[in-house]
C-alpha atoms as a PDB file:
ATOM      1  CA  GLU A   1     136.469 118.663  93.781  1.00  0.00           C
ATOM      2  CA  SER A   2     133.342 118.288  91.367  1.00  0.00           C
ATOM      3  CA  MET A   3     133.283 118.763  87.722  1.00  0.00           C
ATOM      4  CA  MET A   4     130.314 119.898  85.581  1.00  0.00           C
ATOM      5  CA  ARG A   5     129.794 119.253  81.846  1.00  0.00           C
ATOM      6  CA  ARG A   6     127.220 119.171  79.326  1.00  0.00           C
ATOM      7  CA  SER A   7     125.897 116.059  77.578  1.00  0.00           C
ATOM      8  CA  HIS A   8     122.976 114.819  75.513  1.00  0.00           C
ATOM      9  CA  ASP A   9     120.500 112.218  76.269  1.00  0.00           C
ATOM     10  CA  ARG A  10     117.541 111.587  73.881  1.00  0.00           C
ATOM     11  CA  GLY A  11     117.743 115.039  72.260  1.00  0.00           C
ATOM     12  CA  ASN A  12     117.370 116.771  75.682  1.00  0.00           C
ATOM     13  CA  ALA A  13     120.399 118.642  77.180  1.00  0.00           C
ATOM     14  CA  HIS A  14     121.092 117.966  80.789  1.00  0.00           C
ATOM     15  CA  LEU A  15     123.658 118.688  83.373  1.00  0.00           C
ATOM     16  CA  ALA A  16     125.955 115.863  84.474  1.00  0.00           C
ATOM     17  CA  THR A  17     127.724 116.562  87.850  1.00  0.00           C
ATOM     18  CA  ILE A  18     130.540 114.272  89.173  1.00  0.00           C
ATOM     19  CA  THR A  19     131.549 113.648  92.760  1.00  0.00           C
ATOM     20  CA  ILE A  20     128.101 114.712  94.033  1.00  0.00           C
ATOM     21  CA  VAL A  21     127.276 112.176  96.725  1.00  0.00           C
ATOM     22  CA  ALA A  22     129.742 111.514  99.590  1.00  0.00           C
ATOM     23  CA  MET A  23     129.270 109.255 102.802  1.00  0.00           C
ATOM     24  CA  VAL A  24     132.243 110.840 104.862  1.00  0.00           C
ATOM     25  CA  THR A  25     133.201 113.931 106.756  1.00  0.00           C
ATOM     26  CA  ALA A  26     136.565 115.211 107.964  1.00  0.00           C
ATOM     27  CA  SER A  27     135.753 114.560 111.610  1.00  0.00           C
ATOM     28  CA  ALA A  28     133.263 112.502 113.813  1.00  0.00           C
ATOM     29  CA  GLN A  29     130.384 114.395 115.397  1.00  0.00           C
ATOM     30  CA  PRO A  30     128.698 113.251 118.788  1.00  0.00           C
ATOM     31  CA  GLU A  31     125.789 110.979 118.034  1.00  0.00           C
ATOM     32  CA  ALA A  32     123.554 112.711 120.655  1.00  0.00           C
ATOM     33  CA  VAL A  33     123.813 116.226 119.043  1.00  0.00           C
ATOM     34  CA  HIS A  34     121.427 116.841 116.325  1.00  0.00           C
ATOM     35  CA  PRO A  35     122.219 119.421 113.325  1.00  0.00           C
ATOM     36  CA  PRO A  36     119.938 122.380 112.895  1.00  0.00           C
ATOM     37  CA  CYS A  37     116.493 121.363 111.419  1.00  0.00           C
ATOM     38  CA  ALA A  38     116.869 123.943 108.694  1.00  0.00           C
ATOM     39  CA  ARG A  39     119.243 125.333 106.111  1.00  0.00           C
ATOM     40  CA  GLU A  40     120.360 128.942 105.778  1.00  0.00           C
ATOM     41  CA  PHE A  41     118.218 129.052 102.563  1.00  0.00           C
ATOM     42  CA  LEU A  42     114.690 128.034 101.894  1.00  0.00           C
ATOM     43  CA  PRO A  43     114.582 124.894  99.703  1.00  0.00           C
ATOM     44  CA  ARG A  44     112.152 124.552  96.979  1.00  0.00           C
ATOM     45  CA  ILE A  45     112.956 120.843  95.643  1.00  0.00           C
ATOM     46  CA  VAL A  46     111.253 117.747  97.133  1.00  0.00           C
ATOM     47  CA  ALA A  47     112.461 114.303  97.536  1.00  0.00           C
ATOM     48  CA  LEU A  48     111.336 110.668  97.582  1.00  0.00           C
ATOM     49  CA  LEU A  49     112.975 108.317  99.625  1.00  0.00           C
ATOM     50  CA  VAL A  50     112.434 104.452  99.305  1.00  0.00           C
ATOM     51  CA  THR A  51     113.753 102.458 102.175  1.00  0.00           C
ATOM     52  CA  LYS A  52     113.573  99.115 103.758  1.00  0.00           C
ATOM     53  CA  ASP A  53     115.092  98.016 107.084  1.00  0.00           C
ATOM     54  CA  ASP A  54     117.339 101.028 107.276  1.00  0.00           C
ATOM     55  CA  GLU A  55     116.407 102.115 110.707  1.00  0.00           C
ATOM     56  CA  HIS A  56     120.205 101.927 111.862  1.00  0.00           C
ATOM     57  CA  ILE A  57     120.964 104.755 109.494  1.00  0.00           C
ATOM     58  CA  MET A  58     117.531 106.590 109.065  1.00  0.00           C
ATOM     59  CA  GLN A  59     118.188 109.210 111.968  1.00  0.00           C
ATOM     60  CA  GLU A  60     121.456 110.299 110.562  1.00  0.00           C
ATOM     61  CA  TRP A  61     119.861 110.781 107.020  1.00  0.00           C
ATOM     62  CA  LEU A  62     117.080 112.795 108.388  1.00  0.00           C
ATOM     63  CA  ASP A  63     119.476 115.121 110.443  1.00  0.00           C
ATOM     64  CA  TYR A  64     121.732 115.721 107.691  1.00  0.00           C
ATOM     65  CA  ASN A  65     119.683 115.452 104.514  1.00  0.00           C
ATOM     66  CA  ALA A  66     116.062 116.216 105.185  1.00  0.00           C
ATOM     67  CA  PRO A  67     116.557 119.966 105.649  1.00  0.00           C
ATOM     68  CA  SER A  68     117.804 120.037 102.159  1.00  0.00           C
ATOM     69  CA  PHE A  69     114.154 119.540 100.968  1.00  0.00           C
ATOM     70  CA  HIS A  70     110.950 121.359 101.020  1.00  0.00           C
ATOM     71  CA  ALA A  71     109.063 118.169 101.444  1.00  0.00           C
ATOM     72  CA  VAL A  72     109.953 114.369 101.658  1.00  0.00           C
ATOM     73  CA  VAL A  73     107.836 111.279 101.000  1.00  0.00           C
ATOM     74  CA  VAL A  74     109.194 108.217 102.789  1.00  0.00           C
ATOM     75  CA  PHE A  75     108.101 104.895 101.218  1.00  0.00           C
ATOM     76  CA  ASP A  76     108.898 102.281 103.739  1.00  0.00           C
ATOM     77  CA  SER A  77     109.107  98.547 102.925  1.00  0.00           C
ATOM     78  CA  SER A  78     110.398  97.573 106.321  1.00  0.00           C
ATOM     79  CA  LYS A  79     108.496  94.636 108.411  1.00  0.00           C
ATOM     80  CA  GLY A  80     109.223  96.394 111.711  1.00  0.00           C
ATOM     81  CA  TYR A  81     108.195  99.852 112.845  1.00  0.00           C
ATOM     82  CA  GLU A  82     111.416 101.390 113.952  1.00  0.00           C
ATOM     83  CA  THR A  83     111.812 103.572 110.799  1.00  0.00           C
ATOM     84  CA  GLN A  84     108.379 104.853 111.339  1.00  0.00           C
ATOM     85  CA  ARG A  85     109.142 105.674 114.947  1.00  0.00           C
ATOM     86  CA  ILE A  86     112.236 107.571 113.984  1.00  0.00           C
ATOM     87  CA  VAL A  87     110.558 109.594 111.181  1.00  0.00           C
ATOM     88  CA  SER A  88     107.610 110.585 113.496  1.00  0.00           C
ATOM     89  CA  ALA A  89     110.037 111.720 116.190  1.00  0.00           C
ATOM     90  CA  TYR A  90     111.992 113.737 113.681  1.00  0.00           C
ATOM     91  CA  VAL A  91     108.773 115.484 112.441  1.00  0.00           C
ATOM     92  CA  ASN A  92     107.666 116.244 115.999  1.00  0.00           C
ATOM     93  CA  ARG A  93     111.150 117.724 116.745  1.00  0.00           C
ATOM     94  CA  CYS A  94     111.697 119.700 113.455  1.00  0.00           C
ATOM     95  CA  GLY A  95     108.236 120.264 112.109  1.00  0.00           C
ATOM     96  CA  ALA A  96     109.455 118.920 108.820  1.00  0.00           C
ATOM     97  CA  ASN A  97     107.203 118.172 105.763  1.00  0.00           C
ATOM     98  CA  ILE A  98     107.444 114.480 105.685  1.00  0.00           C
ATOM     99  CA  THR A  99     104.802 112.150 104.337  1.00  0.00           C
ATOM    100  CA  TYR A 100     105.366 108.460 105.741  1.00  0.00           C
ATOM    101  CA  VAL A 101     103.928 105.620 103.686  1.00  0.00           C
ATOM    102  CA  ARG A 102     104.136 102.013 104.587  1.00  0.00           C
ATOM    103  CA  GLU A 103     104.228  99.257 101.644  1.00  0.00           C
ATOM    104  CA  ASP A 104     102.186  96.809 103.746  1.00  0.00           C
ATOM    105  CA  LEU A 105      99.339  99.413 104.012  1.00  0.00           C
ATOM    106  CA  LEU A 106      98.989 100.103 100.313  1.00  0.00           C
ATOM    107  CA  PRO A 107      95.369  99.518  99.025  1.00  0.00           C
ATOM    108  CA  GLU A 108      96.934  96.981  96.403  1.00  0.00           C
ATOM    109  CA  PRO A 109     100.275  95.222  96.847  1.00  0.00           C
ATOM    110  CA  LEU A 110     103.073  95.967  94.452  1.00  0.00           C
ATOM    111  CA  LEU A 111     103.135  93.834  91.351  1.00  0.00           C
ATOM    112  CA  ALA A 112     106.846  94.382  90.744  1.00  0.00           C
ATOM    113  CA  TYR A 113     109.861  95.667  92.714  1.00  0.00           C
ATOM    114  CA  SER A 114     111.617  97.484  90.031  1.00  0.00           C
ATOM    115  CA  ASP A 115     112.822 101.084  90.754  1.00  0.00           C
ATOM    116  CA  HIS A 116     109.780 102.443  88.824  1.00  0.00           C
ATOM    117  CA  ALA A 117     107.307 100.391  90.740  1.00  0.00           C
ATOM    118  CA  VAL A 118     108.541 101.334  94.093  1.00  0.00           C
ATOM    119  CA  ARG A 119     108.924 104.974  93.247  1.00  0.00           C
ATOM    120  CA  TYR A 120     105.527 105.394  91.746  1.00  0.00           C
ATOM    121  CA  HIS A 121     103.586 105.722  94.876  1.00  0.00           C
ATOM    122  CA  PRO A 122     105.888 108.346  96.649  1.00  0.00           C
ATOM    123  CA  LEU A 123     105.839 110.422  93.453  1.00  0.00           C
ATOM    124  CA  ARG A 124     102.154 110.327  93.096  1.00  0.00           C
ATOM    125  CA  ILE A 125     101.905 111.662  96.690  1.00  0.00           C
ATOM    126  CA  LEU A 126     104.428 114.551  95.798  1.00  0.00           C
ATOM    127  CA  ARG A 127     102.391 115.522  92.492  1.00  0.00           C
ATOM    128  CA  HIS A 128      99.134 115.287  94.490  1.00  0.00           C
ATOM    129  CA  THR A 129     100.362 117.478  97.349  1.00  0.00           C
ATOM    130  CA  TYR A 130     102.807 119.834  95.848  1.00  0.00           C
ATOM    131  CA  GLY A 131     101.857 119.742  91.980  1.00  0.00           C
ATOM    132  CA  VAL A 132     104.202 119.265  89.153  1.00  0.00           C
ATOM    133  CA  GLY A 133     106.810 121.479  87.599  1.00  0.00           C
ATOM    134  CA  ARG A 134     109.258 121.077  90.640  1.00  0.00           C
ATOM    135  CA  TRP A 135     112.576 119.518  90.872  1.00  0.00           C
ATOM    136  CA  VAL A 136     112.435 115.969  92.615  1.00  0.00           C
ATOM    137  CA  MET A 137     115.389 114.288  94.096  1.00  0.00           C
ATOM    138  CA  VAL A 138     115.613 110.532  94.200  1.00  0.00           C
ATOM    139  CA  ALA A 139     117.131 109.817  97.649  1.00  0.00           C
ATOM    140  CA  HIS A 140     118.866 106.765  99.041  1.00  0.00           C
ATOM    141  CA  SER A 141     119.090 106.305 102.965  1.00  0.00           C
ATOM    142  CA  ASP A 142     122.818 105.307 102.761  1.00  0.00           C
ATOM    143  CA  GLU A 143     123.798 108.501 100.876  1.00  0.00           C
ATOM    144  CA  PHE A 144     124.905 111.947 102.195  1.00  0.00           C
ATOM    145  CA  TYR A 145     125.275 114.865  99.929  1.00  0.00           C
ATOM    146  CA  TYR A 146     128.471 116.668  99.226  1.00  0.00           C
ATOM    147  CA  HIS A 147     126.718 119.360  97.166  1.00  0.00           C
ATOM    148  CA  GLU A 148     123.491 120.887  98.225  1.00  0.00           C
ATOM    149  CA  PRO A 149     120.697 119.527  95.784  1.00  0.00           C
ATOM    150  CA  GLU A 150     118.819 122.897  96.011  1.00  0.00           C
ATOM    151  CA  LEU A 151     121.683 124.821  94.981  1.00  0.00           C
ATOM    152  CA  VAL A 152     122.511 122.526  91.913  1.00  0.00           C
ATOM    153  CA  ALA A 153     118.905 122.793  90.886  1.00  0.00           C
ATOM    154  CA  ARG A 154     118.973 126.707  91.231  1.00  0.00           C
ATOM    155  CA  TYR A 155     122.311 126.633  89.134  1.00  0.00           C
ATOM    156  CA  VAL A 156     120.440 124.733  86.376  1.00  0.00           C
ATOM    157  CA  ASP A 157     117.272 127.155  86.519  1.00  0.00           C
ATOM    158  CA  THR A 158     119.721 130.140  86.209  1.00  0.00           C
ATOM    159  CA  GLN A 159     121.617 128.686  83.167  1.00  0.00           C
ATOM    160  CA  ILE A 160     118.178 128.342  81.449  1.00  0.00           C
ATOM    161  CA  ALA A 161     116.699 131.622  82.558  1.00  0.00           C
ATOM    162  CA  THR A 162     119.857 133.511  81.274  1.00  0.00           C
ATOM    163  CA  GLY A 163     119.804 131.645  77.892  1.00  0.00           C
ATOM    164  CA  SER A 164     123.070 129.771  78.472  1.00  0.00           C
ATOM    165  CA  TRP A 165     121.275 126.463  78.243  1.00  0.00           C
ATOM    166  CA  GLU A 166     118.112 125.801  76.126  1.00  0.00           C
ATOM    167  CA  GLU A 167     116.735 123.177  78.301  1.00  0.00           C
ATOM    168  CA  CYS A 168     117.807 120.817  81.254  1.00  0.00           C
ATOM    169  CA  ASN A 169     115.402 118.273  82.867  1.00  0.00           C
ATOM    170  CA  VAL A 170     117.784 115.856  84.617  1.00  0.00           C
ATOM    171  CA  VAL A 171     120.919 116.252  86.799  1.00  0.00           C
ATOM    172  CA  VAL A 172     123.204 113.032  86.968  1.00  0.00           C
ATOM    173  CA  TRP A 173     124.876 112.585  90.239  1.00  0.00           C
ATOM    174  CA  GLY A 174     128.069 110.684  90.799  1.00  0.00           C
ATOM    175  CA  ALA A 175     128.162 108.343  94.092  1.00  0.00           C
ATOM    176  CA  LEU A 176     131.423 107.761  95.676  1.00  0.00           C
ATOM    177  CA  HIS A 177     131.765 104.401  97.159  1.00  0.00           C
ATOM    178  CA  VAL A 178     133.145 104.361 100.763  1.00  0.00           C
ATOM    179  CA  LEU A 179     134.968 101.201 101.768  1.00  0.00           C
ATOM    180  CA  PRO A 180     136.579 100.115 105.082  1.00  0.00           C
ATOM    181  CA  HIS A 181     140.358 100.343 105.010  1.00  0.00           C
ATOM    182  CA  PRO A 182     142.131  97.509 106.600  1.00  0.00           C
ATOM    183  CA  SER A 183     143.297  99.975 109.223  1.00  0.00           C
ATOM    184  CA  GLU A 184     139.684 100.849 110.036  1.00  0.00           C
ATOM    185  CA  TYR A 185     138.033  97.364 109.974  1.00  0.00           C
ATOM    186  CA  GLU A 186     138.782  96.291 113.649  1.00  0.00           C
ATOM    187  CA  SER A 187     137.475  99.517 114.955  1.00  0.00           C
ATOM    188  CA  PHE A 188     134.424  99.111 112.851  1.00  0.00           C
ATOM    189  CA  VAL A 189     133.746  95.661 114.219  1.00  0.00           C
ATOM    190  CA  ALA A 190     134.379  96.571 117.770  1.00  0.00           C
ATOM    191  CA  ARG A 191     132.490  99.803 117.516  1.00  0.00           C
ATOM    192  CA  PRO A 192     129.596  99.370 114.738  1.00  0.00           C
ATOM    193  CA  GLN A 193     127.461 102.262 115.857  1.00  0.00           C
ATOM    194  CA  PRO A 194     129.087 105.717 115.119  1.00  0.00           C
ATOM    195  CA  LEU A 195     127.807 107.999 112.422  1.00  0.00           C
ATOM    196  CA  ALA A 196     128.080 106.462 109.011  1.00  0.00           C
ATOM    197  CA  GLN A 197     129.778 109.811 107.701  1.00  0.00           C
ATOM    198  CA  SER A 198     132.598 109.421 110.323  1.00  0.00           C
ATOM    199  CA  ARG A 199     132.828 105.644 110.126  1.00  0.00           C
ATOM    200  CA  PHE A 200     135.186 105.414 107.035  1.00  0.00           C
ATOM    201  CA  GLN A 201     137.727 107.774 105.545  1.00  0.00           C
ATOM    202  CA  HIS A 202     138.610 105.956 102.313  1.00  0.00           C
ATOM    203  CA  PHE A 203     136.888 106.394  98.794  1.00  0.00           C
ATOM    204  CA  TRP A 204     136.714 104.062  95.887  1.00  0.00           C
ATOM    205  CA  MET A 205     135.836 106.044  92.822  1.00  0.00           C
ATOM    206  CA  MET A 206     135.776 103.425  90.032  1.00  0.00           C
ATOM    207  CA  TYR A 207     132.820 101.174  89.442  1.00  0.00           C
ATOM    208  CA  GLY A 208     133.639  98.094  87.423  1.00  0.00           C
ATOM    209  CA  SER A 209     136.254  98.209  84.843  1.00  0.00           C
ATOM    210  CA  LYS A 210     134.700 100.614  82.264  1.00  0.00           C
ATOM    211  CA  ARG A 211     134.232 103.746  84.383  1.00  0.00           C
ATOM    212  CA  ASN A 212     137.441 105.472  83.135  1.00  0.00           C
ATOM    213  CA  GLY A 213     138.221 106.479  86.793  1.00  0.00           C
ATOM    214  CA  LEU A 214     134.774 108.140  87.389  1.00  0.00           C
ATOM    215  CA  PRO A 215     132.395 107.146  90.151  1.00  0.00           C
ATOM    216  CA  TRP A 216     129.055 105.533  89.251  1.00  0.00           C
ATOM    217  CA  SER A 217     126.359 108.034  88.164  1.00  0.00           C
ATOM    218  CA  GLU A 218     122.673 107.898  88.204  1.00  0.00           C
ATOM    219  CA  ARG A 219     119.894 110.148  87.196  1.00  0.00           C
ATOM    220  CA  ARG A 220     118.701 111.381  90.610  1.00  0.00           C
ATOM    221  CA  LEU A 221     117.519 114.900  90.367  1.00  0.00           C
ATOM    222  CA  PHE A 222     114.696 115.651  87.648  1.00  0.00           C
ATOM    223  CA  LYS A 223     112.337 118.181  86.563  1.00  0.00           C
ATOM    224  CA  ASP A 224     108.928 116.591  87.196  1.00  0.00           C
ATOM    225  CA  HIS A 225     106.554 117.619  84.355  1.00  0.00           C
ATOM    226  CA  GLY A 226     103.842 115.037  85.290  1.00  0.00           C
END
């Protein structure tokens, strides 16, 4: 179940959505079967994905999340090339609009490893290729969407177009933490390769001691005005 509310940040109204990101599904799916390469709707939003040594989960992320976006820029800080191989194979199979960038091939090395520093390069590519004025999703390779980012963006745009809201530039997403239950631990150790979405079935919603029972939330979807 999700909950939507209005809040204010620095004078600009934005939508906060709770229980958006989930890492579990009701039933396991065969690992050899790939989901469809496209959604039933045509997505307009784009995504930037910063990753490092996530090759064990990258295929699943692409299969289940990439079709939610018009385009994705993958910024890879891995030392190896397995993630690059997985992305290339997915693009060849699905014809997806994915731009792959390696950190070690940048003209100049990163001076810092803050969130803003590592997202700067993929965001520049998105702006150069697709322009500004689009909704941009900041994606993580270990998260799978419970709600469609495109439909959330359309909902916000509709609220603004109809005059229900004056402005909305940021959507805050809540991330459910998925932890192994003691009853699941032995099977996880014995069989560590199943899909992440079918690996665990237990959620932990609180983050720290001051979350009031709500999951951790971050500003993941934003309207990029350049």
